Protein backbone atom coordinates (compact mmCIF):
# COMPACT_ATOMS: atom_id res chain seq x y z
CA UNK A 1 -74.51 -17.19 22.54
CA UNK A 2 -77.09 -14.88 20.98
CA UNK A 3 -80.64 -15.15 22.24
CA UNK A 4 -82.75 -17.10 19.72
CA UNK A 5 -85.52 -15.24 17.94
CA UNK A 6 -87.84 -18.22 18.34
CA UNK A 7 -87.90 -21.63 20.01
CA UNK A 8 -90.13 -24.69 20.29
CA UNK A 9 -90.13 -27.72 22.60
CA UNK A 10 -92.36 -30.77 22.06
CA UNK A 11 -93.22 -33.83 24.16
CA UNK A 12 -95.05 -36.98 23.20
CA UNK A 13 -95.55 -38.34 26.71
CA UNK A 14 -93.41 -39.66 29.55
CA UNK A 15 -93.51 -43.08 31.13
CA UNK A 16 -91.91 -46.51 31.12
CA UNK A 17 -89.85 -46.09 27.97
CA UNK A 18 -86.60 -48.09 28.01
CA UNK A 19 -84.19 -49.15 25.28
CA UNK A 20 -84.91 -52.82 25.84
CA UNK A 21 -88.62 -52.24 25.27
CA UNK A 22 -88.49 -50.52 21.86
CA UNK A 23 -87.56 -52.31 18.66
CA UNK A 24 -85.30 -50.41 16.22
CA UNK A 25 -88.37 -49.86 14.04
CA UNK A 26 -90.39 -48.44 16.93
CA UNK A 27 -87.59 -46.12 17.96
CA UNK A 28 -87.16 -44.89 14.41
CA UNK A 29 -90.90 -44.25 14.08
CA UNK A 30 -91.03 -42.15 17.26
CA UNK A 31 -87.90 -40.17 16.39
CA UNK A 32 -89.25 -39.49 12.91
CA UNK A 33 -92.60 -38.36 14.30
CA UNK A 34 -91.03 -36.03 16.86
CA UNK A 35 -88.75 -34.61 14.17
CA UNK A 36 -91.62 -33.99 11.77
CA UNK A 37 -93.80 -32.34 14.41
CA UNK A 38 -91.06 -30.09 15.80
CA UNK A 39 -89.92 -28.96 12.37
CA UNK A 40 -93.50 -28.15 11.36
CA UNK A 41 -93.93 -25.92 14.40
CA UNK A 42 -90.51 -24.40 13.82
CA UNK A 43 -91.42 -23.46 10.27
CA UNK A 44 -94.39 -21.48 11.55
CA UNK A 45 -92.17 -19.60 14.00
CA UNK A 46 -89.36 -19.03 11.48
CA UNK A 47 -91.92 -17.51 9.13
CA UNK A 48 -93.03 -15.00 11.76
CA UNK A 49 -96.07 -16.94 12.93
CA UNK A 50 -97.37 -16.76 16.48
CA UNK A 51 -96.52 -19.19 19.24
CA UNK A 52 -100.20 -20.16 19.35
CA UNK A 53 -100.22 -20.98 15.64
CA UNK A 54 -97.04 -23.04 15.95
CA UNK A 55 -98.52 -25.00 18.85
CA UNK A 56 -101.78 -25.68 17.04
CA UNK A 57 -99.92 -26.79 13.89
CA UNK A 58 -97.64 -29.16 15.81
CA UNK A 59 -100.34 -30.66 18.02
CA UNK A 60 -102.58 -31.29 15.00
CA UNK A 61 -99.90 -33.67 13.73
CA UNK A 62 -99.63 -35.38 17.11
CA UNK A 63 -103.41 -35.71 17.41
CA UNK A 64 -103.52 -37.38 14.00
CA UNK A 65 -100.66 -39.80 14.75
CA UNK A 66 -101.74 -43.11 16.35
CA UNK A 67 -98.31 -43.43 17.98
CA UNK A 68 -99.40 -40.95 20.65
CA UNK A 69 -102.13 -40.78 23.31
CA UNK A 70 -104.11 -37.89 21.86
CA UNK A 71 -106.66 -37.66 19.09
CA UNK A 72 -106.53 -40.74 16.92
CA UNK A 73 -104.17 -42.62 19.26
CA UNK A 74 -106.16 -41.88 22.41
CA UNK A 75 -106.71 -44.53 25.07
CA UNK A 76 -110.17 -45.85 25.97
CA UNK A 77 -112.26 -45.33 29.08
CA UNK A 78 -113.60 -48.35 30.97
CA UNK A 79 -116.82 -47.90 28.98
CA UNK A 80 -114.96 -48.24 25.70
CA UNK A 81 -115.04 -44.55 24.72
CA UNK A 82 -112.36 -42.08 23.67
CA UNK A 83 -112.80 -38.98 25.84
CA UNK A 84 -110.33 -36.26 24.91
CA UNK A 85 -108.92 -33.36 26.94
CA UNK A 86 -106.87 -30.35 25.81
CA UNK A 87 -105.82 -26.86 26.85
CA UNK A 88 -103.96 -23.89 25.44
CA UNK A 89 -102.69 -20.66 27.01
CA UNK A 90 -101.37 -17.38 25.61
CA UNK A 91 -98.50 -15.98 27.67
CA UNK A 92 -98.99 -12.47 26.29
CA UNK A 93 -102.54 -12.03 27.61
CA UNK A 94 -102.95 -14.89 30.11
CA UNK A 95 -106.01 -15.93 28.13
CA UNK A 96 -106.63 -19.67 28.13
CA UNK A 97 -109.04 -22.28 26.82
CA UNK A 98 -109.63 -25.89 27.79
CA UNK A 99 -111.94 -28.81 27.06
CA UNK A 100 -112.53 -32.13 28.82
CA UNK A 101 -114.27 -35.32 27.76
CA UNK A 102 -114.92 -34.41 24.13
CA UNK A 103 -115.74 -37.26 21.75
CA UNK A 104 -116.35 -35.85 18.27
CA UNK A 105 -113.80 -33.11 17.61
CA UNK A 106 -110.91 -34.27 15.42
CA UNK A 107 -108.49 -31.75 16.92
CA UNK A 108 -109.22 -31.01 20.59
CA UNK A 109 -106.39 -28.44 20.73
CA UNK A 110 -108.27 -26.33 18.17
CA UNK A 111 -111.41 -26.61 20.28
CA UNK A 112 -109.46 -25.42 23.32
CA UNK A 113 -108.26 -22.44 21.29
CA UNK A 114 -111.81 -21.73 20.13
CA UNK A 115 -112.96 -21.70 23.74
CA UNK A 116 -110.22 -19.16 24.48
CA UNK A 117 -110.90 -16.92 21.48
CA UNK A 118 -114.60 -17.36 20.69
CA UNK A 119 -116.30 -17.86 24.06
CA UNK A 120 -116.43 -15.96 27.36
CA UNK A 121 -115.25 -19.09 29.18
CA UNK A 122 -112.00 -20.89 29.96
CA UNK A 123 -113.18 -24.50 30.21
CA UNK A 124 -115.97 -26.55 28.64
CA UNK A 125 -116.72 -30.22 29.16
CA UNK A 126 -118.49 -33.20 27.62
CA UNK A 127 -121.54 -32.81 25.41
CA UNK A 128 -121.56 -29.04 25.83
CA UNK A 129 -118.00 -28.79 24.55
CA UNK A 130 -118.90 -30.94 21.55
CA UNK A 131 -121.91 -28.70 20.85
CA UNK A 132 -119.74 -25.59 21.01
CA UNK A 133 -117.27 -27.31 18.68
CA UNK A 134 -119.95 -27.81 16.02
CA UNK A 135 -121.18 -24.25 16.41
CA UNK A 136 -117.60 -22.98 16.05
CA UNK A 137 -117.27 -24.83 12.75
CA UNK A 138 -114.52 -27.22 13.81
CA UNK A 139 -114.04 -30.53 12.02
CA UNK A 140 -116.29 -33.24 13.43
CA UNK A 141 -115.73 -37.00 13.24
CA UNK A 142 -117.57 -40.12 14.32
CA UNK A 143 -116.26 -41.48 17.63
CA UNK A 144 -114.92 -44.56 15.82
CA UNK A 145 -112.42 -42.30 14.03
CA UNK A 146 -110.28 -42.31 17.19
CA UNK A 147 -110.25 -46.12 17.46
CA UNK A 148 -106.89 -47.89 17.25
CA UNK A 149 -106.53 -51.60 17.76
CA UNK A 150 -103.56 -51.45 20.10
CA UNK A 151 -105.33 -49.04 22.47
CA UNK A 152 -108.36 -51.35 22.51
CA UNK A 153 -106.11 -54.28 23.40
CA UNK A 154 -104.58 -52.22 26.20
CA UNK A 155 -108.08 -51.57 27.54
CA UNK A 156 -108.95 -55.27 27.42
CA UNK A 157 -105.82 -56.14 29.40
CA UNK A 158 -106.48 -53.40 31.94
CA UNK A 159 -110.10 -54.38 32.52
CA UNK A 160 -109.29 -58.07 32.74
CA UNK A 161 -106.50 -57.42 35.25
CA UNK A 162 -108.88 -55.34 37.37
CA UNK A 163 -111.81 -57.77 37.14
CA UNK A 164 -113.95 -55.28 35.25
CA UNK A 165 -116.27 -56.13 32.34
CA UNK A 166 -114.98 -55.61 28.82
CA UNK A 167 -117.46 -53.57 26.74
CA UNK A 168 -118.42 -54.32 23.15
CA UNK A 169 -116.16 -52.82 20.51
CA UNK A 170 -117.30 -49.38 19.38
CA UNK A 171 -119.61 -49.29 16.39
CA UNK A 172 -117.61 -48.73 13.20
CA UNK A 173 -114.29 -49.71 14.80
CA UNK A 174 -111.55 -49.84 12.22
CA UNK A 175 -109.40 -52.81 11.31
CA UNK A 176 -105.95 -52.98 12.93
CA UNK A 177 -103.92 -49.97 11.84
CA UNK A 178 -100.45 -50.13 10.34
CA UNK A 179 -98.94 -48.21 13.25
CA UNK A 180 -100.19 -50.74 15.80
CA UNK A 181 -97.00 -52.73 15.48
CA UNK A 182 -94.82 -49.67 15.91
CA UNK A 183 -96.56 -47.94 18.81
CA UNK A 184 -95.18 -48.54 22.30
CA UNK A 185 -97.40 -48.68 25.39
CA UNK A 186 -95.69 -46.20 27.69
CA UNK A 187 -97.81 -47.23 30.63
CA UNK A 188 -101.43 -46.40 31.28
CA UNK A 189 -100.96 -42.69 30.64
CA UNK A 190 -99.48 -40.41 28.02
CA UNK A 191 -99.96 -36.90 26.72
CA UNK A 192 -98.66 -34.62 24.00
CA UNK A 193 -97.65 -31.01 24.46
CA UNK A 194 -95.88 -28.09 22.83
CA UNK A 195 -94.43 -24.86 24.20
CA UNK A 196 -93.19 -22.10 21.93
CA UNK A 197 -91.57 -18.67 21.81
CA UNK A 198 -92.32 -16.51 18.77
CA UNK A 199 -90.41 -13.65 17.18
CA UNK A 200 -92.64 -11.11 18.95
CA UNK A 201 -91.23 -12.37 22.26
CA UNK A 202 -94.41 -14.11 23.39
CA UNK A 203 -94.66 -17.64 24.81
CA UNK A 204 -97.57 -20.07 24.75
CA UNK A 205 -98.31 -23.64 25.79
CA UNK A 206 -100.64 -26.38 24.57
CA UNK A 207 -101.42 -29.88 25.85
CA UNK A 208 -103.68 -32.64 24.50
CA UNK A 209 -104.45 -36.15 25.76
CA UNK A 210 -106.75 -39.14 25.77
CA UNK A 211 -106.24 -39.51 29.51
CA UNK A 212 -105.58 -42.84 31.22
CA UNK A 213 -106.48 -46.32 30.02
CA UNK A 214 -109.65 -47.59 31.69
CA UNK A 215 -110.50 -44.27 33.35
CA UNK A 216 -113.92 -44.29 35.06
CA UNK A 217 -116.60 -41.96 36.39
CA UNK A 218 -115.72 -39.09 34.06
CA UNK A 219 -112.15 -38.81 35.36
CA UNK A 220 -110.26 -35.72 34.21
CA UNK A 221 -106.51 -35.35 34.63
CA UNK A 222 -104.19 -32.36 34.63
CA UNK A 223 -103.93 -31.73 30.87
CA UNK A 224 -106.98 -29.42 30.56
CA UNK A 225 -106.43 -27.75 33.93
CA UNK A 226 -104.69 -24.39 33.61
CA UNK A 227 -101.83 -24.21 36.09
CA UNK A 228 -101.52 -27.98 36.48
CA UNK A 229 -100.82 -29.52 33.09
CA UNK A 230 -100.48 -26.30 31.12
CA UNK A 231 -99.46 -22.71 31.81
CA UNK A 232 -97.91 -19.74 30.00
CA UNK A 233 -96.94 -16.21 30.98
CA UNK A 234 -94.57 -13.76 29.31
CA UNK A 235 -93.49 -12.81 32.84
CA UNK A 236 -91.91 -16.22 33.38
CA UNK A 237 -92.28 -19.16 30.98
CA UNK A 238 -94.56 -21.64 29.23
CA UNK A 239 -94.94 -25.22 30.48
CA UNK A 240 -96.67 -28.39 29.27
CA UNK A 241 -96.76 -31.47 31.48
CA UNK A 242 -97.21 -35.22 31.09
CA UNK A 243 -97.60 -37.93 33.72
CA UNK A 244 -99.96 -39.10 36.43
CA UNK A 245 -102.35 -36.16 36.39
CA UNK A 246 -103.66 -36.44 39.94
CA UNK A 247 -100.23 -35.47 41.30
CA UNK A 248 -99.76 -32.65 38.80
CA UNK A 249 -103.11 -31.19 39.84
CA UNK A 250 -102.25 -31.30 43.53
CA UNK A 251 -98.89 -29.60 42.95
CA UNK A 252 -100.11 -27.19 40.23
CA UNK A 253 -96.93 -28.27 38.48
CA UNK A 254 -96.97 -26.01 35.43
CA UNK A 255 -97.69 -22.83 37.39
CA UNK A 256 -95.16 -23.84 40.07
CA UNK A 257 -92.35 -23.99 37.51
CA UNK A 258 -93.26 -20.52 36.26
CA UNK A 259 -93.53 -19.16 39.80
CA UNK A 260 -90.00 -20.30 40.64
CA UNK A 261 -88.72 -18.50 37.55
CA UNK A 262 -90.71 -15.32 38.19
CA UNK A 263 -90.43 -14.96 41.95
CA UNK A 264 -87.22 -16.77 42.90
CA UNK A 265 -85.20 -15.99 39.77
CA UNK A 266 -84.32 -19.61 39.07
CA UNK A 267 -83.14 -20.62 35.63
CA UNK A 268 -85.74 -22.47 33.62
CA UNK A 269 -83.92 -25.80 33.97
CA UNK A 270 -83.42 -25.36 37.71
CA UNK A 271 -87.10 -24.54 38.20
CA UNK A 272 -88.25 -27.55 36.20
CA UNK A 273 -85.87 -29.84 38.08
CA UNK A 274 -86.96 -28.55 41.50
CA UNK A 275 -90.61 -29.24 40.75
CA UNK A 276 -90.18 -32.59 38.99
CA UNK A 277 -87.12 -34.15 40.61
CA UNK A 278 -87.90 -32.95 44.13
CA UNK A 279 -91.53 -31.97 44.73
CA UNK A 280 -93.25 -34.39 42.37
CA UNK A 281 -90.93 -37.25 43.27
CA UNK A 282 -91.36 -36.65 47.00
CA UNK A 283 -95.13 -36.83 46.61
CA UNK A 284 -94.88 -40.12 44.72
CA UNK A 285 -95.91 -38.79 41.33
CA UNK A 286 -94.27 -39.58 38.02
CA UNK A 287 -93.99 -37.70 34.75
CA UNK A 288 -92.29 -34.65 33.33
CA UNK A 289 -92.50 -31.19 31.79
CA UNK A 290 -91.20 -29.21 28.86
CA UNK A 291 -90.71 -25.45 29.11
CA UNK A 292 -89.57 -22.35 27.23
CA UNK A 293 -88.91 -18.82 28.46
CA UNK A 294 -89.21 -15.43 26.72
CA UNK A 295 -85.41 -15.14 26.65
CA UNK A 296 -85.11 -18.37 24.68
CA UNK A 297 -84.24 -20.76 27.50
CA UNK A 298 -85.54 -24.27 26.82
CA UNK A 299 -85.83 -27.09 29.34
CA UNK A 300 -87.28 -30.49 30.05
CA UNK A 301 -87.27 -32.57 33.19
CA UNK A 302 -88.84 -35.97 33.98
CA UNK A 303 -88.50 -38.65 36.66
CA UNK A 304 -89.63 -41.57 34.50
CA UNK A 305 -87.37 -43.87 32.48
CA UNK A 306 -88.13 -41.95 29.31
CA UNK A 307 -89.98 -39.12 27.60
CA UNK A 308 -90.51 -38.54 23.90
CA UNK A 309 -89.10 -35.03 23.47
CA UNK A 310 -87.61 -32.61 20.95
CA UNK A 311 -86.48 -29.01 20.78
CA UNK A 312 -85.54 -26.57 18.07
CA UNK A 313 -84.60 -22.88 18.07
CA UNK A 314 -83.43 -20.18 15.72
CA UNK A 315 -79.73 -20.81 15.15
CA UNK A 316 -79.72 -24.09 17.09
CA UNK A 317 -79.93 -27.65 15.76
CA UNK A 318 -82.86 -29.99 16.29
CA UNK A 319 -82.49 -32.26 19.33
CA UNK A 320 -84.64 -35.38 19.73
CA UNK A 321 -84.57 -37.71 22.73
CA UNK A 322 -86.43 -40.70 24.13
CA UNK A 323 -84.34 -42.29 26.87
CA UNK A 324 -82.94 -41.07 30.18
CA UNK A 325 -79.29 -41.27 29.10
CA UNK A 326 -79.75 -38.84 26.20
CA UNK A 327 -79.14 -35.07 26.52
């Protein structure tokens, strides 16, 4: 089969996602969202756009969709805040940008890209990242913009179960949103991510998340850490991860997949499986990755019961999956 001119793979988080847990309406909503996001990124690539542009376009949609744990669907910290993390990496140059703990930027993935392209740094955090965001001219929102009722209820359950105090609802919190009845709680973590190959032969990766429900003490997971939750190099592949971040950081999961491709000559699928099904599983971690290579190989691998995922390439049909028993 001819090598595709472009390709895109998307994930909306891995976790406890089983057929018995999702209503037909929930399943339809997630499949529709993954389809819409993947096709939007694919249109950018088909039109000759860059992998970075396709990733930013697709993740914008995910960050605006309360079905997912990023942007407007982000989980709450123990203090009742939405603290957002994101990263992006350009496989052509190995340039990267990342942000952690931002609270006022509508699209954290765009802030990560601004860090990469408009600052001398790779990673910014907290109030400083929000300040840079304003100075870079990115869209700002009040913290209450990210509020969703179902995420607040998840926080209340988590804090109650752990004998922790429940904070007051955020000022300006919205009424229950229409998607609250459709969204599925995939566990206490979730992430969104996109990897892409453009017609110039370059790969890139982007990841965005709200972190874990009830996180404390300024916890940061793998999503904004280059090499752990996100990595891209034209010499190997592009990877975006989702799962329990502490394990992904310790294994530098995203970089490890690329290293197996570059230095051991493994196929993309074999490399992803070795890291997720063997190394991550042996350490006790759970989650998954999506990946794409400069030659058009696409892969995903996860050791949870499900992962929201989709892929599309030039000359190949769209594939959308949720459960373990799907291709």
